[in-house]
Amino acid sequence: MLFASMAICFTSCDKSNDIVEQEPAKARPMELLYNESKGLPETSADSVTNFAQKFCNHLNSNLNDQNDEFFHPIIENIEYAGSLFGYKITITTSVGITINDEWDGEYHISF
């Protein structure tokens, strides 16, 4: 009986090796921006302006993030924080086209 209880003890102690450690889920950039935007009302006017620029730069580099679930809430947070400091902030995104003007031919841009 002593051997049986020792076998059970060793078997149950050995199960700790079966635990698989999972890496914590990484937050998406838009989720991080959203979390940061929630604190904007407690910051300064310069911080709101800097964050709005940071957000626009991110969107210009990641156009698909305009479809993210956090897109509109971030804009609302920026606009609200800006209004507390008397600003009306408008968020726009754009696609830049650079044309080499050293070329002497015609320019044709098709979309």
N, C-alpha and C. Protein backbone atom coordinates (compact mmCIF):
# COMPACT_ATOMS: atom_id res chain seq x y z
N MET A 1 0.82 -1.18 0.00
CA MET A 1 0.00 0.00 0.00
C MET A 1 0.88 1.26 0.00
N LEU A 2 1.97 1.22 0.68
CA LEU A 2 2.88 2.35 0.72
C LEU A 2 3.41 2.66 -0.68
N PHE A 3 3.73 1.59 -1.43
CA PHE A 3 4.24 1.78 -2.80
C PHE A 3 3.17 2.37 -3.71
N ALA A 4 1.92 1.97 -3.53
CA ALA A 4 0.83 2.49 -4.35
C ALA A 4 0.63 3.99 -4.10
N SER A 5 0.69 4.40 -2.83
CA SER A 5 0.51 5.82 -2.54
C SER A 5 1.69 6.64 -3.04
N MET A 6 2.90 6.09 -3.01
CA MET A 6 4.06 6.79 -3.54
C MET A 6 3.96 6.94 -5.05
N ALA A 7 3.45 5.92 -5.74
CA ALA A 7 3.28 6.00 -7.19
C ALA A 7 2.27 7.06 -7.56
N ILE A 8 1.19 7.14 -6.79
CA ILE A 8 0.18 8.16 -7.06
C ILE A 8 0.77 9.55 -6.82
N CYS A 9 1.55 9.71 -5.77
CA CYS A 9 2.17 10.99 -5.48
C CYS A 9 3.11 11.41 -6.59
N PHE A 10 3.95 10.49 -7.07
CA PHE A 10 4.88 10.82 -8.14
C PHE A 10 4.15 11.14 -9.44
N THR A 11 3.07 10.43 -9.69
CA THR A 11 2.32 10.69 -10.91
C THR A 11 1.66 12.06 -10.86
N SER A 12 1.08 12.40 -9.71
CA SER A 12 0.41 13.70 -9.62
C SER A 12 1.43 14.83 -9.61
N CYS A 13 2.60 14.62 -9.05
CA CYS A 13 3.62 15.66 -9.05
C CYS A 13 4.21 15.86 -10.44
N ASP A 14 4.21 14.80 -11.23
CA ASP A 14 4.80 14.87 -12.56
C ASP A 14 3.93 15.65 -13.53
N LYS A 15 2.65 15.87 -13.23
CA LYS A 15 1.75 16.58 -14.14
C LYS A 15 2.12 18.05 -14.31
N SER A 16 2.90 18.60 -13.41
CA SER A 16 3.27 20.01 -13.52
C SER A 16 4.12 20.27 -14.76
N ASN A 17 4.77 19.24 -15.29
CA ASN A 17 5.58 19.40 -16.50
C ASN A 17 4.72 19.55 -17.74
N ASP A 18 3.45 19.17 -17.65
CA ASP A 18 2.56 19.24 -18.81
C ASP A 18 1.98 20.64 -19.03
N ILE A 19 2.20 21.56 -18.11
CA ILE A 19 1.65 22.90 -18.23
C ILE A 19 2.40 23.65 -19.33
N VAL A 20 1.64 24.17 -20.26
CA VAL A 20 2.23 24.92 -21.36
C VAL A 20 2.07 26.40 -21.06
N GLU A 21 3.18 27.11 -21.04
CA GLU A 21 3.10 28.54 -20.80
C GLU A 21 2.74 29.26 -22.09
N GLN A 22 1.76 30.13 -22.00
CA GLN A 22 1.34 30.90 -23.16
C GLN A 22 1.85 32.33 -23.03
N GLU A 23 2.28 32.87 -24.14
CA GLU A 23 2.70 34.26 -24.14
C GLU A 23 1.48 35.15 -23.99
N PRO A 24 1.61 36.23 -23.27
CA PRO A 24 0.47 37.14 -23.16
C PRO A 24 0.12 37.72 -24.54
N ALA A 25 -1.17 37.91 -24.75
CA ALA A 25 -1.62 38.46 -26.03
C ALA A 25 -1.09 39.88 -26.19
N LYS A 26 -0.55 40.17 -27.36
CA LYS A 26 -0.03 41.51 -27.62
C LYS A 26 -1.17 42.41 -28.08
N ALA A 27 -1.19 43.60 -27.55
CA ALA A 27 -2.23 44.56 -27.93
C ALA A 27 -1.93 45.10 -29.33
N ARG A 28 -2.98 45.29 -30.08
CA ARG A 28 -2.83 45.87 -31.42
C ARG A 28 -2.51 47.35 -31.29
N PRO A 29 -1.86 47.92 -32.31
CA PRO A 29 -1.52 49.35 -32.25
C PRO A 29 -2.75 50.25 -32.05
N MET A 30 -3.85 49.93 -32.70
CA MET A 30 -5.04 50.78 -32.54
C MET A 30 -5.60 50.67 -31.13
N GLU A 31 -5.49 49.52 -30.52
CA GLU A 31 -5.95 49.36 -29.15
C GLU A 31 -5.07 50.17 -28.20
N LEU A 32 -3.77 50.16 -28.45
CA LEU A 32 -2.85 50.97 -27.65
C LEU A 32 -3.14 52.46 -27.81
N LEU A 33 -3.40 52.88 -29.05
CA LEU A 33 -3.74 54.29 -29.30
C LEU A 33 -5.05 54.65 -28.61
N TYR A 34 -6.01 53.75 -28.63
CA TYR A 34 -7.29 54.01 -27.97
C TYR A 34 -7.08 54.18 -26.46
N ASN A 35 -6.30 53.27 -25.87
CA ASN A 35 -6.05 53.37 -24.43
C ASN A 35 -5.36 54.69 -24.08
N GLU A 36 -4.44 55.10 -24.93
CA GLU A 36 -3.75 56.38 -24.71
C GLU A 36 -4.72 57.55 -24.87
N SER A 37 -5.63 57.45 -25.84
CA SER A 37 -6.55 58.56 -26.11
C SER A 37 -7.55 58.77 -24.97
N LYS A 38 -7.83 57.74 -24.20
CA LYS A 38 -8.77 57.89 -23.09
C LYS A 38 -8.25 58.85 -22.02
N GLY A 39 -6.93 59.00 -21.93
CA GLY A 39 -6.37 59.89 -20.93
C GLY A 39 -6.13 61.30 -21.40
N LEU A 40 -6.48 61.61 -22.65
CA LEU A 40 -6.21 62.93 -23.20
C LEU A 40 -6.87 64.08 -22.44
N PRO A 41 -8.09 63.93 -21.92
CA PRO A 41 -8.69 65.06 -21.20
C PRO A 41 -7.88 65.52 -19.98
N GLU A 42 -7.05 64.65 -19.43
CA GLU A 42 -6.26 65.01 -18.26
C GLU A 42 -4.88 65.55 -18.63
N THR A 43 -4.63 65.78 -19.92
CA THR A 43 -3.32 66.26 -20.36
C THR A 43 -3.40 67.73 -20.74
N SER A 44 -2.40 68.19 -21.46
CA SER A 44 -2.36 69.59 -21.91
C SER A 44 -2.83 69.69 -23.36
N ALA A 45 -3.04 70.91 -23.80
CA ALA A 45 -3.45 71.15 -25.19
C ALA A 45 -2.37 70.65 -26.16
N ASP A 46 -1.10 70.87 -25.79
CA ASP A 46 -0.01 70.39 -26.65
C ASP A 46 -0.01 68.87 -26.76
N SER A 47 -0.31 68.20 -25.67
CA SER A 47 -0.35 66.73 -25.69
C SER A 47 -1.46 66.22 -26.61
N VAL A 48 -2.60 66.90 -26.58
CA VAL A 48 -3.71 66.51 -27.45
C VAL A 48 -3.31 66.70 -28.91
N THR A 49 -2.69 67.83 -29.22
CA THR A 49 -2.25 68.10 -30.59
C THR A 49 -1.19 67.09 -31.02
N ASN A 50 -0.24 66.79 -30.15
CA ASN A 50 0.80 65.82 -30.48
C ASN A 50 0.23 64.43 -30.70
N PHE A 51 -0.73 64.04 -29.86
CA PHE A 51 -1.36 62.73 -30.03
C PHE A 51 -2.14 62.68 -31.34
N ALA A 52 -2.85 63.76 -31.67
CA ALA A 52 -3.62 63.78 -32.92
C ALA A 52 -2.68 63.61 -34.11
N GLN A 53 -1.51 64.24 -34.06
CA GLN A 53 -0.53 64.10 -35.14
C GLN A 53 0.02 62.67 -35.19
N LYS A 54 0.28 62.11 -34.03
CA LYS A 54 0.77 60.72 -33.95
C LYS A 54 -0.27 59.77 -34.54
N PHE A 55 -1.54 60.01 -34.24
CA PHE A 55 -2.63 59.17 -34.75
C PHE A 55 -2.72 59.29 -36.27
N CYS A 56 -2.64 60.51 -36.80
CA CYS A 56 -2.69 60.70 -38.25
C CYS A 56 -1.50 60.04 -38.94
N ASN A 57 -0.32 60.16 -38.36
CA ASN A 57 0.85 59.50 -38.93
C ASN A 57 0.67 57.98 -38.97
N HIS A 58 0.10 57.44 -37.91
CA HIS A 58 -0.16 56.01 -37.87
C HIS A 58 -1.14 55.61 -38.98
N LEU A 59 -2.20 56.39 -39.13
CA LEU A 59 -3.21 56.06 -40.14
C LEU A 59 -2.65 56.18 -41.56
N ASN A 60 -1.79 57.16 -41.80
CA ASN A 60 -1.20 57.29 -43.12
C ASN A 60 -0.30 56.11 -43.45
N SER A 61 0.27 55.48 -42.45
CA SER A 61 1.12 54.30 -42.66
C SER A 61 0.32 53.01 -42.66
N ASN A 62 -0.87 53.04 -42.09
CA ASN A 62 -1.69 51.83 -41.93
C ASN A 62 -3.14 52.15 -42.32
N LEU A 63 -3.37 52.32 -43.60
CA LEU A 63 -4.69 52.77 -44.07
C LEU A 63 -5.83 51.84 -43.68
N ASN A 64 -5.56 50.55 -43.57
CA ASN A 64 -6.62 49.61 -43.21
C ASN A 64 -7.11 49.79 -41.78
N ASP A 65 -6.35 50.48 -40.95
CA ASP A 65 -6.77 50.69 -39.58
C ASP A 65 -7.97 51.63 -39.48
N GLN A 66 -8.34 52.27 -40.57
CA GLN A 66 -9.56 53.08 -40.58
C GLN A 66 -10.79 52.20 -40.41
N ASN A 67 -10.64 50.90 -40.64
CA ASN A 67 -11.75 49.95 -40.48
C ASN A 67 -11.72 49.28 -39.11
N ASP A 68 -10.76 49.63 -38.28
CA ASP A 68 -10.62 49.02 -36.96
C ASP A 68 -11.73 49.50 -36.04
N GLU A 69 -12.11 48.66 -35.11
CA GLU A 69 -13.18 49.00 -34.17
C GLU A 69 -12.83 50.19 -33.27
N PHE A 70 -11.55 50.47 -33.09
CA PHE A 70 -11.12 51.57 -32.23
C PHE A 70 -10.99 52.90 -32.97
N PHE A 71 -11.14 52.89 -34.29
CA PHE A 71 -10.92 54.10 -35.10
C PHE A 71 -11.83 55.25 -34.65
N HIS A 72 -13.13 55.05 -34.67
CA HIS A 72 -14.07 56.13 -34.33
C HIS A 72 -14.00 56.54 -32.85
N PRO A 73 -13.86 55.57 -31.93
CA PRO A 73 -13.72 56.01 -30.53
C PRO A 73 -12.47 56.86 -30.28
N ILE A 74 -11.37 56.57 -30.99
CA ILE A 74 -10.16 57.39 -30.84
C ILE A 74 -10.43 58.80 -31.33
N ILE A 75 -11.07 58.91 -32.48
CA ILE A 75 -11.40 60.25 -33.03
C ILE A 75 -12.30 61.01 -32.06
N GLU A 76 -13.29 60.34 -31.51
CA GLU A 76 -14.18 60.99 -30.55
C GLU A 76 -13.41 61.47 -29.31
N ASN A 77 -12.47 60.65 -28.84
CA ASN A 77 -11.67 61.04 -27.68
C ASN A 77 -10.79 62.25 -27.99
N ILE A 78 -10.21 62.27 -29.18
CA ILE A 78 -9.36 63.40 -29.58
C ILE A 78 -10.20 64.67 -29.70
N GLU A 79 -11.35 64.57 -30.36
CA GLU A 79 -12.21 65.74 -30.54
C GLU A 79 -12.71 66.26 -29.19
N TYR A 80 -13.09 65.36 -28.30
CA TYR A 80 -13.58 65.78 -26.98
C TYR A 80 -12.46 66.47 -26.19
N ALA A 81 -11.28 65.85 -26.16
CA ALA A 81 -10.16 66.45 -25.42
C ALA A 81 -9.78 67.80 -26.01
N GLY A 82 -9.79 67.91 -27.32
CA GLY A 82 -9.49 69.18 -27.97
C GLY A 82 -10.51 70.25 -27.61
N SER A 83 -11.78 69.85 -27.55
CA SER A 83 -12.83 70.84 -27.22
C SER A 83 -12.67 71.37 -25.80
N LEU A 84 -12.09 70.59 -24.90
CA LEU A 84 -11.86 71.07 -23.54
C LEU A 84 -10.86 72.22 -23.51
N PHE A 85 -9.99 72.27 -24.51
CA PHE A 85 -8.99 73.33 -24.61
C PHE A 85 -9.37 74.38 -25.64
N GLY A 86 -10.61 74.33 -26.15
CA GLY A 86 -11.08 75.31 -27.10
C GLY A 86 -10.68 75.04 -28.54
N TYR A 87 -10.22 73.83 -28.83
CA TYR A 87 -9.82 73.46 -30.20
C TYR A 87 -10.93 72.70 -30.89
N LYS A 88 -11.02 72.91 -32.19
CA LYS A 88 -11.85 72.03 -33.02
C LYS A 88 -10.86 71.26 -33.88
N ILE A 89 -10.70 69.98 -33.58
CA ILE A 89 -9.71 69.15 -34.27
C ILE A 89 -10.42 68.32 -35.33
N THR A 90 -9.86 68.34 -36.52
CA THR A 90 -10.37 67.54 -37.63
C THR A 90 -9.30 66.54 -38.03
N ILE A 91 -9.66 65.28 -38.09
CA ILE A 91 -8.72 64.22 -38.46
C ILE A 91 -8.93 63.88 -39.93
N THR A 92 -7.88 63.96 -40.70
CA THR A 92 -7.94 63.55 -42.10
C THR A 92 -6.76 62.64 -42.39
N THR A 93 -6.96 61.74 -43.31
CA THR A 93 -5.86 60.87 -43.77
C THR A 93 -5.70 61.09 -45.26
N SER A 94 -4.51 60.81 -45.75
CA SER A 94 -4.26 61.05 -47.16
C SER A 94 -3.28 60.03 -47.70
N VAL A 95 -3.22 59.97 -49.01
CA VAL A 95 -2.24 59.15 -49.70
C VAL A 95 -1.39 60.11 -50.51
N GLY A 96 -0.11 60.09 -50.27
CA GLY A 96 0.78 61.00 -50.98
C GLY A 96 1.28 60.39 -52.28
N ILE A 97 1.38 61.21 -53.29
CA ILE A 97 1.93 60.80 -54.58
C ILE A 97 3.11 61.71 -54.87
N THR A 98 4.26 61.11 -55.07
CA THR A 98 5.45 61.90 -55.39
C THR A 98 5.73 61.75 -56.87
N ILE A 99 5.89 62.86 -57.56
CA ILE A 99 6.17 62.84 -59.00
C ILE A 99 7.56 63.42 -59.22
N ASN A 100 8.38 62.68 -59.92
CA ASN A 100 9.71 63.15 -60.26
C ASN A 100 9.57 64.14 -61.42
N ASP A 101 9.80 65.42 -61.15
CA ASP A 101 9.59 66.43 -62.18
C ASP A 101 10.79 66.59 -63.12
N GLU A 102 11.80 65.75 -62.98
CA GLU A 102 12.95 65.82 -63.88
C GLU A 102 12.67 65.09 -65.20
N TRP A 103 11.61 64.31 -65.22
CA TRP A 103 11.26 63.56 -66.42
C TRP A 103 10.49 64.48 -67.36
N ASP A 104 10.81 64.46 -68.64
CA ASP A 104 10.20 65.38 -69.59
C ASP A 104 8.97 64.84 -70.29
N GLY A 105 8.57 63.62 -69.98
CA GLY A 105 7.42 63.04 -70.66
C GLY A 105 6.11 63.51 -70.06
N GLU A 106 5.02 62.90 -70.53
CA GLU A 106 3.70 63.24 -70.01
C GLU A 106 3.46 62.49 -68.71
N TYR A 107 2.58 63.06 -67.91
CA TYR A 107 2.20 62.42 -66.65
C TYR A 107 0.81 61.78 -66.82
N HIS A 108 0.73 60.51 -66.51
CA HIS A 108 -0.56 59.82 -66.53
C HIS A 108 -0.72 59.14 -65.17
N ILE A 109 -1.72 59.54 -64.46
CA ILE A 109 -2.01 58.92 -63.16
C ILE A 109 -3.36 58.27 -63.27
N SER A 110 -3.40 56.98 -63.09
CA SER A 110 -4.65 56.22 -63.17
C SER A 110 -4.97 55.62 -61.81
N PHE A 111 -6.25 55.62 -61.50
CA PHE A 111 -6.70 55.01 -60.25
C PHE A 111 -7.68 53.92 -60.56
